[in-house]
Amino acid sequence: MRTPPVQPVAPTANHPRNARMIPASPTPNFRSPDFLRAHMRDTLAFYLPRALDPTGGLFHFLRDDGSVYDRHTRHLVSSTRYVVTCAMAQRLDPCDAHRRALQHAFDFVQVHHDPATGGYAWLIDWRNGQKTALDGTHHAYGLAFVLLAHAHAHMAGVPSAHAGIGHTFALLEQRFWEPHHGLYADEATPDWQLQPYRGQNANMHLCEALLAAFDATGETRYLDRAALLAEHITVRQAALAGGLVWEHYRADWSVDWDYNRHDPSNLFRPWGFQPGHLTEWAKLLLLLNQRRPQAGLVERAQRFFDTAMERAWDAQHGGLFYGFTPDGRVCDTDKYFWVQAESFAAAARLAQATGEARYWADYDRLWAYAWAHFVDHEHGAWWRILRADNSKISDEKSPAGKVDYHTIGACFDVLDLLNFSAGATRCPE
């Protein structure tokens, strides 16, 4: 299957790729809408136009300096997340260059689609405009991002995106929805046989995608389902794990305390309580409360966020650790970019929802840490993982799955919270 080729935008003196990055010092005002917009542009400039593949889609594996180290492997999560970030770019700075990049990314999502099964290949090899499926396993997590991509593309003006929202929801309903549990199953074989693993992560991102689908369409069925997922994960399932969100479950949704016990850094299914998922759920609960106020949502968001900060903040080197054990001990001392980003977005929303100044203090503290240690002030974007002492682990800034969707999205979310219009600015062609 071939997508129409796009020619990368040639860098010029005015092109965002050559724009000067915000310097590390003096420390900016992290609550300023102008700062947030500028940082989004700096981060996007790391990817556009250098990541555009003229034969289809965008490259998924970039080193610190933006050089591509794998031109052929394409992961469904990156393919769909590029749509989201490009849609945000178009909404931030509407222009032909962003519109073309968005359409180019959106078209490539269909390359993952398999008409024979109706699903989307998890991993493909893309060469000379032709694909070879490397992993046809079906993941609800992947479909969550297919749904999110269609919703954001529609909100950014892609004409064909609206129909995909309903189609993806129907596919999820047919293949993964378990009405007797009120949650989505996680994984299926290429011929759609459900596997026994159940996980909260897919349901969390489906809650996110359903909220976006509601925003894009106004259809209350999406908001209803998002609210149901939030209730079942953050109340019913959390009650089985001491009031916090555990990651892994068996087919009957009983807690599996041992799944990946020896793999706490697993990319999609890490063991232990995840501070980043606690703060991400805090943000989602507040987004849900904004759309449909309900008693207890704000308090629950506070409890999740406060617990994450209390148990995972590194008092010596700053930043949030990756995971902690059921008895509260840190089990993974690495620092991940997305954890810091989702947490500052949650802190801002808590500050707005509660009026408590301590959450703005947490927002500033998280930003100050990320600004000093995660943001690449030379090339743009954020480092992916740091050690406990904030030293770098590798020069792979953006392997599959990253694309700075979390960082760009967190800035976009705070801008939305502050009710500032992104506005239209000139974008070089």
Protein backbone atom coordinates (compact mmCIF):
# COMPACT_ATOMS: atom_id res chain seq x y z
CA MET A 1 0.00 0.00 0.00
CA ARG A 2 1.45 3.35 -1.01
CA THR A 3 0.72 6.75 0.43
CA PRO A 4 1.20 9.89 -1.65
CA PRO A 5 4.78 11.12 -1.26
CA VAL A 6 5.48 14.44 0.35
CA GLN A 7 8.61 16.46 -0.15
CA PRO A 8 10.25 17.53 3.12
CA VAL A 9 10.29 21.26 3.64
CA ALA A 10 13.71 22.62 2.77
CA PRO A 11 15.32 24.31 5.75
CA THR A 12 15.72 28.05 5.40
CA ALA A 13 16.95 30.80 7.64
CA ASN A 14 13.37 31.31 8.84
CA HIS A 15 12.28 27.70 9.12
CA PRO A 16 11.47 26.45 12.64
CA ARG A 17 14.22 23.83 12.36
CA ASN A 18 16.77 26.60 12.36
CA ALA A 19 14.96 28.72 14.90
CA ARG A 20 16.94 29.51 17.99
CA MET A 21 16.00 27.30 20.93
CA ILE A 22 14.98 28.94 24.18
CA PRO A 23 18.26 29.15 26.13
CA ALA A 24 18.64 27.24 29.37
CA SER A 25 19.19 30.43 31.32
CA PRO A 26 17.80 32.64 32.58
CA THR A 27 15.01 30.37 33.75
CA PRO A 28 11.80 31.30 31.91
CA ASN A 29 8.36 31.80 33.39
CA PHE A 30 6.95 28.30 33.05
CA ARG A 31 3.40 29.53 33.55
CA SER A 32 3.60 31.93 30.62
CA PRO A 33 1.49 31.02 27.56
CA ASP A 34 4.20 32.57 25.38
CA PHE A 35 6.78 30.25 26.92
CA LEU A 36 4.57 27.19 26.46
CA ARG A 37 3.91 28.01 22.81
CA ALA A 38 7.60 28.67 22.17
CA HIS A 39 8.61 25.41 23.82
CA MET A 40 6.08 23.48 21.75
CA ARG A 41 7.54 25.04 18.62
CA ASP A 42 11.09 24.21 19.71
CA THR A 43 10.11 20.60 20.38
CA LEU A 44 8.21 20.24 17.11
CA ALA A 45 11.17 21.72 15.24
CA PHE A 46 13.23 18.69 16.25
CA TYR A 47 10.86 16.49 14.21
CA LEU A 48 9.61 18.73 11.43
CA PRO A 49 10.73 18.54 8.72
CA ARG A 50 13.68 16.23 9.38
CA ALA A 51 11.55 13.21 10.34
CA LEU A 52 9.32 13.36 7.25
CA ASP A 53 9.83 10.36 4.99
CA PRO A 54 8.93 11.31 1.39
CA THR A 55 7.78 7.72 0.74
CA GLY A 56 5.26 7.77 3.57
CA GLY A 57 4.89 8.67 7.22
CA LEU A 58 7.67 9.85 9.48
CA PHE A 59 10.82 8.19 10.77
CA HIS A 60 10.47 6.68 14.24
CA PHE A 61 14.06 6.33 15.42
CA LEU A 62 16.07 9.54 15.93
CA ARG A 63 19.28 10.17 17.82
CA ASP A 64 20.06 13.19 19.96
CA ASP A 65 21.07 15.33 16.98
CA GLY A 66 18.03 14.28 14.93
CA SER A 67 19.84 11.78 12.71
CA VAL A 68 17.74 8.74 11.75
CA TYR A 69 19.15 5.37 12.79
CA ASP A 70 16.32 3.11 11.53
CA ARG A 71 14.51 4.21 8.39
CA HIS A 72 12.23 1.21 7.94
CA THR A 73 10.67 0.04 11.23
CA ARG A 74 7.33 1.66 11.95
CA HIS A 75 5.41 1.19 15.20
CA LEU A 76 1.68 1.83 15.40
CA VAL A 77 2.12 3.90 18.55
CA SER A 78 4.59 6.30 16.91
CA SER A 79 2.59 6.48 13.68
CA THR A 80 -0.53 7.53 15.55
CA ARG A 81 1.21 9.81 18.03
CA TYR A 82 2.78 11.73 15.15
CA VAL A 83 -0.75 12.50 13.99
CA VAL A 84 -1.56 13.91 17.42
CA THR A 85 1.55 16.10 17.60
CA CYS A 86 1.12 17.32 14.02
CA ALA A 87 -2.53 18.10 14.74
CA MET A 88 -1.46 20.15 17.75
CA ALA A 89 1.09 21.94 15.56
CA GLN A 90 -1.62 22.82 13.05
CA ARG A 91 -3.92 24.08 15.79
CA LEU A 92 -1.08 26.07 17.38
CA ASP A 93 0.25 27.56 14.12
CA PRO A 94 -2.16 26.91 11.23
CA CYS A 95 -0.23 26.85 7.95
CA ASP A 96 0.31 24.76 4.83
CA ALA A 97 3.50 23.13 6.12
CA HIS A 98 1.81 21.83 9.27
CA ARG A 99 -1.33 20.86 7.35
CA ARG A 100 0.75 18.80 4.89
CA ALA A 101 2.72 17.14 7.67
CA LEU A 102 -0.51 16.27 9.47
CA GLN A 103 -2.10 14.80 6.36
CA HIS A 104 1.09 12.87 5.60
CA ALA A 105 1.15 11.38 9.11
CA PHE A 106 -2.59 10.69 9.06
CA ASP A 107 -2.45 8.88 5.72
CA PHE A 108 0.27 6.57 6.99
CA VAL A 109 -1.88 5.24 9.82
CA GLN A 110 -3.85 3.44 7.12
CA VAL A 111 -0.67 1.66 6.06
CA HIS A 112 -0.90 -0.17 9.39
CA HIS A 113 -4.50 -1.14 8.65
CA ASP A 114 -5.14 -4.72 7.56
CA PRO A 115 -8.37 -4.97 5.51
CA ALA A 116 -8.43 -8.73 6.02
CA THR A 117 -8.75 -8.48 9.81
CA GLY A 118 -9.99 -4.93 10.22
CA GLY A 119 -7.18 -4.28 12.70
CA TYR A 120 -3.89 -2.39 12.65
CA ALA A 121 -0.48 -4.04 12.56
CA TRP A 122 1.51 -3.30 15.70
CA LEU A 123 4.83 -3.24 13.84
CA ILE A 124 5.64 -3.03 10.12
CA ASP A 125 8.68 -2.78 7.87
CA TRP A 126 8.33 0.02 5.29
CA ARG A 127 10.59 -0.06 2.22
CA ASN A 128 10.18 1.55 -1.19
CA GLY A 129 6.57 2.38 -0.49
CA GLN A 130 5.70 -1.21 0.44
CA LYS A 131 4.93 -2.67 3.85
CA THR A 132 5.67 -6.02 5.45
CA ALA A 133 3.86 -6.78 8.68
CA LEU A 134 6.34 -7.72 11.41
CA ASP A 135 3.83 -8.12 14.24
CA GLY A 136 0.12 -8.48 13.56
CA THR A 137 -0.85 -8.76 17.21
CA HIS A 138 -3.86 -6.59 18.05
CA HIS A 139 -3.58 -4.27 21.05
CA ALA A 140 -6.32 -2.20 22.63
CA TYR A 141 -3.50 0.21 23.54
CA GLY A 142 -2.74 0.64 19.85
CA LEU A 143 -6.40 1.19 18.96
CA ALA A 144 -6.59 3.80 21.72
CA PHE A 145 -4.07 5.83 19.76
CA VAL A 146 -5.80 5.16 16.47
CA LEU A 147 -8.93 6.65 18.06
CA LEU A 148 -6.96 9.55 19.56
CA ALA A 149 -5.29 10.26 16.21
CA HIS A 150 -8.62 10.43 14.38
CA ALA A 151 -10.12 12.70 17.04
CA HIS A 152 -7.20 15.14 16.98
CA ALA A 153 -6.99 15.07 13.20
CA HIS A 154 -10.67 15.92 12.97
CA MET A 155 -10.25 18.82 15.40
CA ALA A 156 -7.34 20.05 13.26
CA GLY A 157 -9.43 20.00 10.09
CA VAL A 158 -8.62 16.72 8.32
CA PRO A 159 -11.82 16.05 6.34
CA SER A 160 -11.66 12.24 6.36
CA ALA A 161 -10.87 11.86 10.07
CA HIS A 162 -14.41 12.05 11.46
CA ALA A 163 -15.58 8.70 10.08
CA GLY A 164 -12.58 6.93 11.63
CA ILE A 165 -13.65 7.95 15.13
CA GLY A 166 -16.86 5.94 14.92
CA HIS A 167 -15.24 3.07 13.02
CA THR A 168 -12.45 2.67 15.60
CA PHE A 169 -14.89 2.80 18.49
CA ALA A 170 -17.00 0.11 16.81
CA LEU A 171 -13.90 -2.07 16.31
CA LEU A 172 -13.00 -1.72 19.99
CA GLU A 173 -16.58 -2.55 20.91
CA GLN A 174 -16.52 -5.67 18.78
CA ARG A 175 -13.10 -7.01 19.66
CA PHE A 176 -12.02 -5.79 23.10
CA TRP A 177 -14.99 -4.52 25.11
CA GLU A 178 -16.00 -6.79 27.99
CA PRO A 179 -19.39 -5.52 29.19
CA HIS A 180 -19.50 -7.84 32.21
CA HIS A 181 -16.33 -6.15 33.51
CA GLY A 182 -16.97 -2.71 32.06
CA LEU A 183 -13.39 -2.53 30.76
CA TYR A 184 -11.41 -3.33 27.64
CA ALA A 185 -9.32 -6.47 27.23
CA ASP A 186 -5.73 -5.84 26.27
CA GLU A 187 -4.34 -8.09 23.56
CA ALA A 188 -5.53 -10.45 20.82
CA THR A 189 -3.81 -12.74 18.34
CA PRO A 190 -3.83 -11.82 14.64
CA ASP A 191 -7.07 -13.82 14.29
CA TRP A 192 -8.62 -11.94 17.24
CA GLN A 193 -8.33 -14.54 20.00
CA LEU A 194 -8.17 -12.63 23.27
CA GLN A 195 -5.16 -13.29 25.48
CA PRO A 196 -5.53 -13.60 29.27
CA TYR A 197 -3.58 -10.50 30.22
CA ARG A 198 -5.60 -7.48 31.33
CA GLY A 199 -4.06 -4.08 31.97
CA GLN A 200 -5.00 -0.65 33.19
CA ASN A 201 -2.68 1.18 30.76
CA ALA A 202 -4.78 0.47 27.68
CA ASN A 203 -7.91 1.54 29.53
CA MET A 204 -6.24 4.74 30.73
CA HIS A 205 -5.28 5.75 27.19
CA LEU A 206 -8.72 4.73 25.96
CA CYS A 207 -10.18 7.10 28.53
CA GLU A 208 -7.94 9.82 27.09
CA ALA A 209 -8.97 8.96 23.53
CA LEU A 210 -12.66 8.83 24.38
CA LEU A 211 -12.49 12.28 25.97
CA ALA A 212 -10.89 13.55 22.76
CA ALA A 213 -13.56 11.78 20.69
CA PHE A 214 -16.23 13.55 22.74
CA ASP A 215 -14.50 16.90 22.22
CA ALA A 216 -14.24 16.22 18.49
CA THR A 217 -17.83 15.05 17.93
CA GLY A 218 -19.95 16.13 20.89
CA GLU A 219 -21.36 12.58 21.06
CA THR A 220 -22.10 11.75 24.70
CA ARG A 221 -21.53 8.01 24.21
CA TYR A 222 -17.79 8.71 24.24
CA LEU A 223 -17.99 10.74 27.43
CA ASP A 224 -20.17 8.07 29.03
CA ARG A 225 -17.61 5.38 28.24
CA ALA A 226 -14.68 7.53 29.43
CA ALA A 227 -16.46 8.10 32.75
CA LEU A 228 -17.17 4.38 33.12
CA LEU A 229 -13.53 3.45 32.52
CA ALA A 230 -12.36 6.04 35.03
CA GLU A 231 -14.78 4.76 37.66
CA HIS A 232 -13.85 1.12 37.17
CA ILE A 233 -10.07 1.62 37.12
CA THR A 234 -9.62 4.38 39.70
CA VAL A 235 -12.29 3.21 42.15
CA ARG A 236 -13.23 -0.45 41.73
CA GLN A 237 -9.87 -1.81 40.61
CA ALA A 238 -7.92 0.59 42.82
CA ALA A 239 -9.83 -0.75 45.83
CA LEU A 240 -8.13 -4.11 45.15
CA ALA A 241 -4.69 -2.49 45.40
CA GLY A 242 -4.81 -0.30 48.47
CA GLY A 243 -6.58 2.59 46.74
CA LEU A 244 -3.98 3.13 44.01
CA VAL A 245 -3.92 2.06 40.36
CA TRP A 246 -2.06 -1.22 39.86
CA GLU A 247 -0.95 -2.01 36.31
CA HIS A 248 -1.59 -5.73 35.75
CA TYR A 249 -4.57 -8.06 36.06
CA ARG A 250 -5.70 -11.55 35.16
CA ALA A 251 -8.52 -12.33 32.74
CA ASP A 252 -11.11 -11.99 35.55
CA TRP A 253 -9.62 -8.59 36.50
CA SER A 254 -8.15 -9.87 39.74
CA VAL A 255 -4.80 -8.25 40.61
CA ASP A 256 -1.71 -9.97 39.26
CA TRP A 257 1.01 -8.82 41.65
CA ASP A 258 3.74 -10.82 39.93
CA TYR A 259 3.35 -9.94 36.23
CA ASN A 260 6.70 -8.59 34.98
CA ARG A 261 8.01 -8.50 38.56
CA HIS A 262 11.52 -8.92 37.18
CA ASP A 263 10.98 -6.37 34.41
CA PRO A 264 10.14 -3.06 36.13
CA SER A 265 11.30 -1.06 33.09
CA ASN A 266 9.16 -2.85 30.49
CA LEU A 267 8.19 -0.28 27.85
CA PHE A 268 4.43 -0.86 27.92
CA ARG A 269 3.90 -3.14 30.94
CA PRO A 270 6.27 -2.21 33.77
CA TRP A 271 5.96 -3.81 37.21
CA GLY A 272 5.12 -1.73 40.25
CA PHE A 273 3.00 1.31 40.86
CA GLN A 274 3.75 3.93 38.23
CA PRO A 275 3.94 7.52 39.52
CA GLY A 276 3.50 8.77 35.96
CA HIS A 277 0.28 6.83 35.55
CA LEU A 278 -1.01 8.08 38.88
CA THR A 279 -0.45 11.69 37.78
CA GLU A 280 -1.78 10.92 34.31
CA TRP A 281 -4.97 9.55 35.85
CA ALA A 282 -5.13 12.67 38.01
CA LYS A 283 -5.10 14.78 34.85
CA LEU A 284 -7.76 12.60 33.17
CA LEU A 285 -10.03 12.75 36.22
CA LEU A 286 -9.82 16.53 36.12
CA LEU A 287 -10.51 16.60 32.39
CA LEU A 288 -13.55 14.41 33.03
CA ASN A 289 -14.68 16.67 35.86
CA GLN A 290 -14.35 19.69 33.57
CA ARG A 291 -16.74 18.07 31.09
CA ARG A 292 -19.05 16.38 33.60
CA PRO A 293 -18.55 17.52 37.20
CA GLN A 294 -18.92 14.74 39.73
CA ALA A 295 -18.31 14.59 43.45
CA GLY A 296 -15.05 12.91 44.37
CA LEU A 297 -13.15 13.32 41.09
CA VAL A 298 -11.01 16.24 42.27
CA GLU A 299 -10.25 14.60 45.62
CA ARG A 300 -9.27 11.36 43.89
CA ALA A 301 -6.99 13.27 41.53
CA GLN A 302 -5.36 14.96 44.51
CA ARG A 303 -4.77 11.65 46.25
CA PHE A 304 -3.12 10.09 43.20
CA PHE A 305 -0.93 13.10 42.49
CA ASP A 306 0.07 13.67 46.11
CA THR A 307 0.98 10.01 46.53
CA ALA A 308 3.15 10.04 43.41
CA MET A 309 5.02 13.15 44.54
CA GLU A 310 5.47 11.86 48.07
CA ARG A 311 6.72 8.41 47.17
CA ALA A 312 8.64 9.00 43.95
CA TRP A 313 10.19 12.48 44.11
CA ASP A 314 13.99 12.28 44.27
CA ALA A 315 14.93 14.67 47.08
CA GLN A 316 18.63 14.45 46.17
CA HIS A 317 18.72 14.90 42.40
CA GLY A 318 15.19 16.05 41.62
CA GLY A 319 12.59 14.53 39.34
CA LEU A 320 10.20 11.63 39.70
CA PHE A 321 11.44 8.05 39.72
CA TYR A 322 9.76 5.52 37.44
CA GLY A 323 8.17 3.01 39.83
CA PHE A 324 7.58 1.99 43.43
CA THR A 325 6.66 -1.27 45.12
CA PRO A 326 3.40 -2.13 46.90
CA ASP A 327 5.09 -1.28 50.20
CA GLY A 328 6.19 2.13 48.93
CA ARG A 329 9.87 1.54 48.09
CA VAL A 330 11.27 2.84 44.81
CA CYS A 331 11.87 -0.12 42.47
CA ASP A 332 13.11 1.74 39.38
CA THR A 333 15.29 4.79 39.92
CA ASP A 334 15.44 5.87 36.28
CA LYS A 335 13.78 9.14 35.30
CA TYR A 336 11.49 9.11 32.25
CA PHE A 337 10.62 12.22 30.26
CA TRP A 338 6.90 11.44 30.05
CA VAL A 339 6.52 11.08 33.81
CA GLN A 340 7.74 14.63 34.40
CA ALA A 341 5.60 16.03 31.56
CA GLU A 342 2.34 14.36 32.56
CA SER A 343 2.97 15.40 36.15
CA PHE A 344 3.39 19.11 35.44
CA ALA A 345 0.18 19.05 33.38
CA ALA A 346 -1.63 17.37 36.28
CA ALA A 347 -0.18 19.88 38.75
CA ALA A 348 -1.46 22.81 36.70
CA ARG A 349 -4.95 21.32 36.50
CA LEU A 350 -4.97 20.63 40.23
CA ALA A 351 -3.91 24.20 40.93
CA GLN A 352 -6.82 25.45 38.83
CA ALA A 353 -9.35 22.97 40.24
CA THR A 354 -8.48 23.38 43.92
CA GLY A 355 -7.12 26.91 44.14
CA GLU A 356 -4.25 25.55 46.23
CA ALA A 357 -0.95 27.35 45.56
CA ARG A 358 1.05 24.25 46.45
CA TYR A 359 0.16 22.71 43.10
CA TRP A 360 1.57 25.67 41.20
CA ALA A 361 4.69 25.18 43.33
CA ASP A 362 4.80 21.54 42.23
CA TYR A 363 4.28 22.64 38.62
CA ASP A 364 7.23 25.04 38.85
CA ARG A 365 9.38 22.43 40.62
CA LEU A 366 8.71 19.79 37.97
CA TRP A 367 9.35 22.26 35.14
CA ALA A 368 12.54 23.57 36.71
CA TYR A 369 13.86 20.03 37.01
CA ALA A 370 12.91 19.12 33.44
CA TRP A 371 14.30 22.39 32.09
CA ALA A 372 17.65 21.75 33.75
CA HIS A 373 17.98 18.06 32.94
CA PHE A 374 15.59 16.80 30.22
CA VAL A 375 15.26 19.60 27.68
CA ASP A 376 17.88 19.61 24.92
CA HIS A 377 18.55 23.33 24.48
CA GLU A 378 20.79 22.72 21.47
CA HIS A 379 18.81 20.37 19.21
CA GLY A 380 15.32 20.57 20.69
CA ALA A 381 12.95 17.99 22.23
CA TRP A 382 13.59 16.10 25.49
CA TRP A 383 15.95 13.29 26.37
CA ARG A 384 13.99 10.09 26.90
CA ILE A 385 15.50 8.44 30.00
CA LEU A 386 18.02 9.57 32.60
CA ARG A 387 19.65 7.70 35.45
CA ALA A 388 18.95 8.57 39.06
CA ASP A 389 21.82 11.10 39.03
CA ASN A 390 20.37 12.61 35.81
CA SER A 391 23.15 11.31 33.58
CA LYS A 392 22.14 10.16 30.11
CA ILE A 393 21.70 6.48 29.33
CA SER A 394 22.02 6.57 25.53
CA ASP A 395 21.97 8.88 22.52
CA GLU A 396 18.58 7.53 21.36
CA LYS A 397 16.44 10.59 21.91
CA SER A 398 13.32 9.33 20.16
CA PRO A 399 12.99 5.59 19.59
CA ALA A 400 9.64 4.07 18.67
CA GLY A 401 6.81 5.23 20.88
CA LYS A 402 8.20 8.62 21.94
CA VAL A 403 7.84 11.39 19.31
CA ASP A 404 7.47 13.83 22.27
CA TYR A 405 3.73 13.29 22.28
CA HIS A 406 3.71 13.60 26.07
CA THR A 407 5.73 16.81 26.25
CA ILE A 408 3.96 18.59 23.40
CA GLY A 409 0.63 17.36 24.71
CA ALA A 410 1.35 18.53 28.26
CA CYS A 411 2.17 22.05 27.05
CA PHE A 412 -0.94 22.04 24.86
CA ASP A 413 -3.03 20.91 27.82
CA VAL A 414 -1.74 23.66 30.10
CA LEU A 415 -2.40 26.22 27.36
CA ASP A 416 -5.95 24.91 27.12
CA LEU A 417 -6.27 25.16 30.89
CA LEU A 418 -5.14 28.77 30.86
CA ASN A 419 -7.76 29.56 28.21
CA PHE A 420 -5.33 31.31 25.94
CA SER A 421 -5.88 31.07 22.22
CA ALA A 422 -2.95 29.59 20.35
CA GLY A 423 -3.60 32.05 17.53
CA ALA A 424 -2.31 31.96 14.01
CA THR A 425 1.27 32.88 13.30
CA ARG A 426 3.29 32.74 10.16
CA CYS A 427 4.77 29.35 9.32
CA PRO A 428 7.47 29.30 6.62
CA GLU A 429 6.70 27.16 3.63
